[in-house]
Amino acid sequence: MARNKEEQNISDVLKAFVKKNKLEKGLNKVNVKEVWNAQMGPAIAKYTDEIQLNEKTLYVSLSSSVLREELSYGKSKIITMINNELGEELVDKLVLR
């Protein structure tokens, strides 16, 4: 069965829907949380209390002050890793609290 020109890829339809309804920010916030947990692993995810993306700043609340101190040394690497996984530059700054 041949595709006619009116048929679209479901991915394209979803992207258009998201853009039309201005849902990108909400989806980006969900994606950042998923990427943080996946990239940082279960050990760090266990100590992660809250993750918020506000503008281009990622706020991460950690329940361990020792872990917060250790992660603070690799902030730029974490930002690069998250942006690479997301496929776009969503995070410019990381605040660990």
N, C-alpha and C. Protein backbone atom coordinates (compact mmCIF):
# COMPACT_ATOMS: atom_id res chain seq x y z
N MET A 1 0.85 -1.17 0.00
CA MET A 1 0.00 0.00 0.00
C MET A 1 0.90 1.24 0.00
N ALA A 2 0.73 2.11 -0.93
CA ALA A 2 1.56 3.31 -1.06
C ALA A 2 1.06 4.41 -0.12
N ARG A 3 2.00 5.12 0.43
CA ARG A 3 1.66 6.25 1.31
C ARG A 3 1.28 7.45 0.45
N ASN A 4 0.22 8.12 0.83
CA ASN A 4 -0.08 9.35 0.13
C ASN A 4 0.60 10.52 0.83
N LYS A 5 0.57 11.66 0.22
CA LYS A 5 1.33 12.80 0.75
C LYS A 5 0.75 13.34 2.05
N GLU A 6 -0.48 13.00 2.36
CA GLU A 6 -1.09 13.51 3.58
C GLU A 6 -0.68 12.73 4.82
N GLU A 7 -0.17 11.54 4.64
CA GLU A 7 0.28 10.74 5.78
C GLU A 7 1.55 11.34 6.36
N GLN A 8 1.65 11.30 7.70
CA GLN A 8 2.83 11.83 8.38
C GLN A 8 3.34 10.80 9.38
N ASN A 9 4.59 10.92 9.65
CA ASN A 9 5.22 10.11 10.68
C ASN A 9 4.63 10.52 12.02
N ILE A 10 4.33 9.57 12.90
CA ILE A 10 3.74 9.86 14.21
C ILE A 10 4.65 10.78 15.04
N SER A 11 5.95 10.61 14.88
CA SER A 11 6.89 11.46 15.60
C SER A 11 6.74 12.93 15.17
N ASP A 12 6.57 13.16 13.88
CA ASP A 12 6.39 14.53 13.38
C ASP A 12 5.08 15.13 13.88
N VAL A 13 4.03 14.32 13.92
CA VAL A 13 2.74 14.79 14.41
C VAL A 13 2.84 15.17 15.88
N LEU A 14 3.50 14.33 16.69
CA LEU A 14 3.66 14.63 18.12
C LEU A 14 4.49 15.89 18.34
N LYS A 15 5.57 16.04 17.59
CA LYS A 15 6.41 17.24 17.72
C LYS A 15 5.61 18.49 17.39
N ALA A 16 4.81 18.43 16.32
CA ALA A 16 3.98 19.57 15.94
C ALA A 16 2.95 19.88 17.02
N PHE A 17 2.36 18.85 17.61
CA PHE A 17 1.38 19.04 18.68
C PHE A 17 2.02 19.71 19.89
N VAL A 18 3.19 19.22 20.28
CA VAL A 18 3.91 19.77 21.42
C VAL A 18 4.25 21.23 21.18
N LYS A 19 4.73 21.53 19.99
CA LYS A 19 5.12 22.91 19.67
C LYS A 19 3.90 23.82 19.63
N LYS A 20 2.84 23.37 18.98
CA LYS A 20 1.63 24.19 18.85
C LYS A 20 1.03 24.51 20.22
N ASN A 21 1.08 23.57 21.12
CA ASN A 21 0.48 23.75 22.44
C ASN A 21 1.47 24.23 23.50
N LYS A 22 2.67 24.57 23.07
CA LYS A 22 3.71 25.13 23.95
C LYS A 22 3.97 24.23 25.16
N LEU A 23 4.20 22.95 24.89
CA LEU A 23 4.44 21.97 25.94
C LEU A 23 5.92 21.63 26.11
N GLU A 24 6.81 22.29 25.34
CA GLU A 24 8.23 21.94 25.38
C GLU A 24 8.83 22.06 26.77
N LYS A 25 8.52 23.14 27.48
CA LYS A 25 9.13 23.35 28.81
C LYS A 25 8.79 22.22 29.76
N GLY A 26 7.54 21.81 29.77
CA GLY A 26 7.12 20.73 30.65
C GLY A 26 7.80 19.42 30.30
N LEU A 27 7.88 19.12 29.02
CA LEU A 27 8.55 17.89 28.59
C LEU A 27 10.03 17.94 28.90
N ASN A 28 10.64 19.10 28.72
CA ASN A 28 12.07 19.23 29.03
C ASN A 28 12.33 18.96 30.50
N LYS A 29 11.44 19.43 31.36
CA LYS A 29 11.61 19.20 32.80
C LYS A 29 11.54 17.71 33.13
N VAL A 30 10.62 17.01 32.50
CA VAL A 30 10.49 15.57 32.72
C VAL A 30 11.72 14.86 32.17
N ASN A 31 12.16 15.25 30.97
CA ASN A 31 13.33 14.62 30.35
C ASN A 31 14.59 14.81 31.19
N VAL A 32 14.76 16.00 31.75
CA VAL A 32 15.95 16.27 32.57
C VAL A 32 15.97 15.36 33.79
N LYS A 33 14.83 15.17 34.42
CA LYS A 33 14.75 14.28 35.59
C LYS A 33 15.12 12.85 35.21
N GLU A 34 14.58 12.40 34.09
CA GLU A 34 14.88 11.04 33.63
C GLU A 34 16.36 10.87 33.31
N VAL A 35 16.93 11.87 32.64
CA VAL A 35 18.34 11.81 32.26
C VAL A 35 19.23 11.84 33.51
N TRP A 36 18.91 12.69 34.48
CA TRP A 36 19.69 12.76 35.73
C TRP A 36 19.73 11.38 36.38
N ASN A 37 18.57 10.78 36.56
CA ASN A 37 18.51 9.48 37.23
C ASN A 37 19.23 8.39 36.43
N ALA A 38 19.09 8.41 35.12
CA ALA A 38 19.72 7.40 34.28
C ALA A 38 21.24 7.57 34.23
N GLN A 39 21.69 8.81 34.07
CA GLN A 39 23.13 9.06 33.91
C GLN A 39 23.89 9.00 35.23
N MET A 40 23.26 9.42 36.31
CA MET A 40 23.95 9.45 37.60
C MET A 40 23.89 8.09 38.29
N GLY A 41 22.96 7.25 37.90
CA GLY A 41 22.88 5.91 38.46
C GLY A 41 22.02 5.83 39.71
N PRO A 42 21.68 4.61 40.09
CA PRO A 42 20.78 4.41 41.24
C PRO A 42 21.35 4.87 42.58
N ALA A 43 22.66 4.80 42.74
CA ALA A 43 23.26 5.21 44.02
C ALA A 43 23.05 6.70 44.27
N ILE A 44 23.24 7.52 43.25
CA ILE A 44 23.04 8.97 43.40
C ILE A 44 21.55 9.31 43.37
N ALA A 45 20.79 8.61 42.53
CA ALA A 45 19.34 8.85 42.45
C ALA A 45 18.69 8.62 43.82
N LYS A 46 19.24 7.68 44.60
CA LYS A 46 18.71 7.38 45.93
C LYS A 46 18.82 8.59 46.86
N TYR A 47 19.84 9.40 46.68
CA TYR A 47 20.05 10.58 47.52
C TYR A 47 19.51 11.86 46.90
N THR A 48 18.89 11.75 45.74
CA THR A 48 18.33 12.92 45.06
C THR A 48 16.89 13.11 45.54
N ASP A 49 16.65 14.25 46.17
CA ASP A 49 15.31 14.54 46.70
C ASP A 49 14.44 15.26 45.68
N GLU A 50 15.01 16.21 44.96
CA GLU A 50 14.22 17.02 44.04
C GLU A 50 15.09 17.52 42.90
N ILE A 51 14.50 17.59 41.71
CA ILE A 51 15.18 18.11 40.53
C ILE A 51 14.25 19.11 39.87
N GLN A 52 14.76 20.33 39.64
CA GLN A 52 13.96 21.36 39.00
C GLN A 52 14.79 22.02 37.91
N LEU A 53 14.17 22.24 36.76
CA LEU A 53 14.79 23.00 35.68
C LEU A 53 14.06 24.32 35.59
N ASN A 54 14.77 25.41 35.85
CA ASN A 54 14.20 26.75 35.78
C ASN A 54 15.04 27.56 34.83
N GLU A 55 14.43 27.95 33.70
CA GLU A 55 15.18 28.57 32.60
C GLU A 55 16.25 27.58 32.17
N LYS A 56 17.53 27.94 32.30
CA LYS A 56 18.61 27.03 31.92
C LYS A 56 19.43 26.58 33.12
N THR A 57 18.85 26.75 34.32
CA THR A 57 19.52 26.34 35.55
C THR A 57 18.85 25.09 36.10
N LEU A 58 19.67 24.08 36.37
CA LEU A 58 19.18 22.83 36.94
C LEU A 58 19.47 22.84 38.44
N TYR A 59 18.42 22.76 39.25
CA TYR A 59 18.53 22.73 40.69
C TYR A 59 18.33 21.28 41.15
N VAL A 60 19.29 20.76 41.89
CA VAL A 60 19.21 19.39 42.38
C VAL A 60 19.39 19.41 43.90
N SER A 61 18.37 18.92 44.60
CA SER A 61 18.44 18.81 46.06
C SER A 61 18.89 17.40 46.41
N LEU A 62 19.96 17.34 47.20
CA LEU A 62 20.53 16.05 47.61
C LEU A 62 20.44 15.92 49.12
N SER A 63 20.17 14.71 49.59
CA SER A 63 20.04 14.49 51.02
C SER A 63 21.39 14.21 51.69
N SER A 64 22.46 14.12 50.91
CA SER A 64 23.79 13.84 51.46
C SER A 64 24.72 15.02 51.19
N SER A 65 25.20 15.64 52.25
CA SER A 65 26.13 16.76 52.08
C SER A 65 27.46 16.30 51.51
N VAL A 66 27.88 15.07 51.84
CA VAL A 66 29.13 14.52 51.31
C VAL A 66 29.01 14.33 49.80
N LEU A 67 27.90 13.77 49.35
CA LEU A 67 27.67 13.58 47.92
C LEU A 67 27.59 14.92 47.20
N ARG A 68 26.91 15.89 47.81
CA ARG A 68 26.79 17.22 47.22
C ARG A 68 28.18 17.83 47.00
N GLU A 69 29.06 17.68 47.98
CA GLU A 69 30.43 18.19 47.87
C GLU A 69 31.19 17.48 46.76
N GLU A 70 31.07 16.17 46.69
CA GLU A 70 31.77 15.39 45.65
C GLU A 70 31.29 15.78 44.25
N LEU A 71 29.99 15.91 44.08
CA LEU A 71 29.44 16.25 42.76
C LEU A 71 29.77 17.68 42.36
N SER A 72 29.97 18.55 43.34
CA SER A 72 30.26 19.95 43.02
C SER A 72 31.57 20.10 42.24
N TYR A 73 32.49 19.14 42.40
CA TYR A 73 33.76 19.20 41.68
C TYR A 73 33.60 18.88 40.19
N GLY A 74 32.52 18.20 39.83
CA GLY A 74 32.33 17.80 38.44
C GLY A 74 31.13 18.44 37.77
N LYS A 75 30.73 19.64 38.22
CA LYS A 75 29.53 20.30 37.69
C LYS A 75 29.56 20.45 36.17
N SER A 76 30.68 20.92 35.63
CA SER A 76 30.72 21.16 34.18
C SER A 76 30.60 19.85 33.41
N LYS A 77 31.19 18.79 33.94
CA LYS A 77 31.10 17.48 33.28
C LYS A 77 29.66 16.96 33.33
N ILE A 78 28.97 17.17 34.45
CA ILE A 78 27.58 16.74 34.60
C ILE A 78 26.70 17.51 33.62
N ILE A 79 26.90 18.83 33.51
CA ILE A 79 26.12 19.65 32.58
C ILE A 79 26.30 19.15 31.15
N THR A 80 27.55 18.90 30.77
CA THR A 80 27.85 18.41 29.42
C THR A 80 27.18 17.06 29.18
N MET A 81 27.26 16.17 30.15
CA MET A 81 26.67 14.84 30.02
C MET A 81 25.15 14.92 29.85
N ILE A 82 24.50 15.76 30.63
CA ILE A 82 23.04 15.90 30.55
C ILE A 82 22.64 16.50 29.21
N ASN A 83 23.32 17.55 28.79
CA ASN A 83 22.99 18.18 27.51
C ASN A 83 23.23 17.23 26.34
N ASN A 84 24.31 16.46 26.40
CA ASN A 84 24.57 15.49 25.33
C ASN A 84 23.47 14.44 25.25
N GLU A 85 23.03 13.98 26.39
CA GLU A 85 21.97 12.96 26.42
C GLU A 85 20.64 13.52 25.93
N LEU A 86 20.37 14.78 26.24
CA LEU A 86 19.13 15.41 25.80
C LEU A 86 19.18 15.81 24.33
N GLY A 87 20.38 15.97 23.80
CA GLY A 87 20.53 16.34 22.40
C GLY A 87 20.37 17.83 22.14
N GLU A 88 20.35 18.62 23.20
CA GLU A 88 20.29 20.08 23.06
C GLU A 88 20.80 20.73 24.34
N GLU A 89 21.14 22.00 24.22
CA GLU A 89 21.71 22.75 25.35
C GLU A 89 20.59 23.31 26.23
N LEU A 90 20.07 22.49 27.11
CA LEU A 90 19.00 22.93 28.01
C LEU A 90 19.52 23.43 29.34
N VAL A 91 20.71 22.98 29.75
CA VAL A 91 21.27 23.32 31.05
C VAL A 91 22.58 24.10 30.87
N ASP A 92 22.62 25.30 31.46
CA ASP A 92 23.83 26.12 31.47
C ASP A 92 24.50 26.11 32.84
N LYS A 93 23.69 25.92 33.87
CA LYS A 93 24.19 26.04 35.24
C LYS A 93 23.57 24.93 36.09
N LEU A 94 24.37 24.39 37.01
CA LEU A 94 23.92 23.34 37.93
C LEU A 94 24.09 23.85 39.36
N VAL A 95 23.00 23.84 40.11
CA VAL A 95 23.02 24.25 41.51
C VAL A 95 22.68 23.04 42.35
N LEU A 96 23.62 22.64 43.19
CA LEU A 96 23.42 21.50 44.09
C LEU A 96 23.10 22.04 45.46
N ARG A 97 22.00 21.58 46.02
CA ARG A 97 21.61 22.06 47.35
C ARG A 97 21.16 20.95 48.23
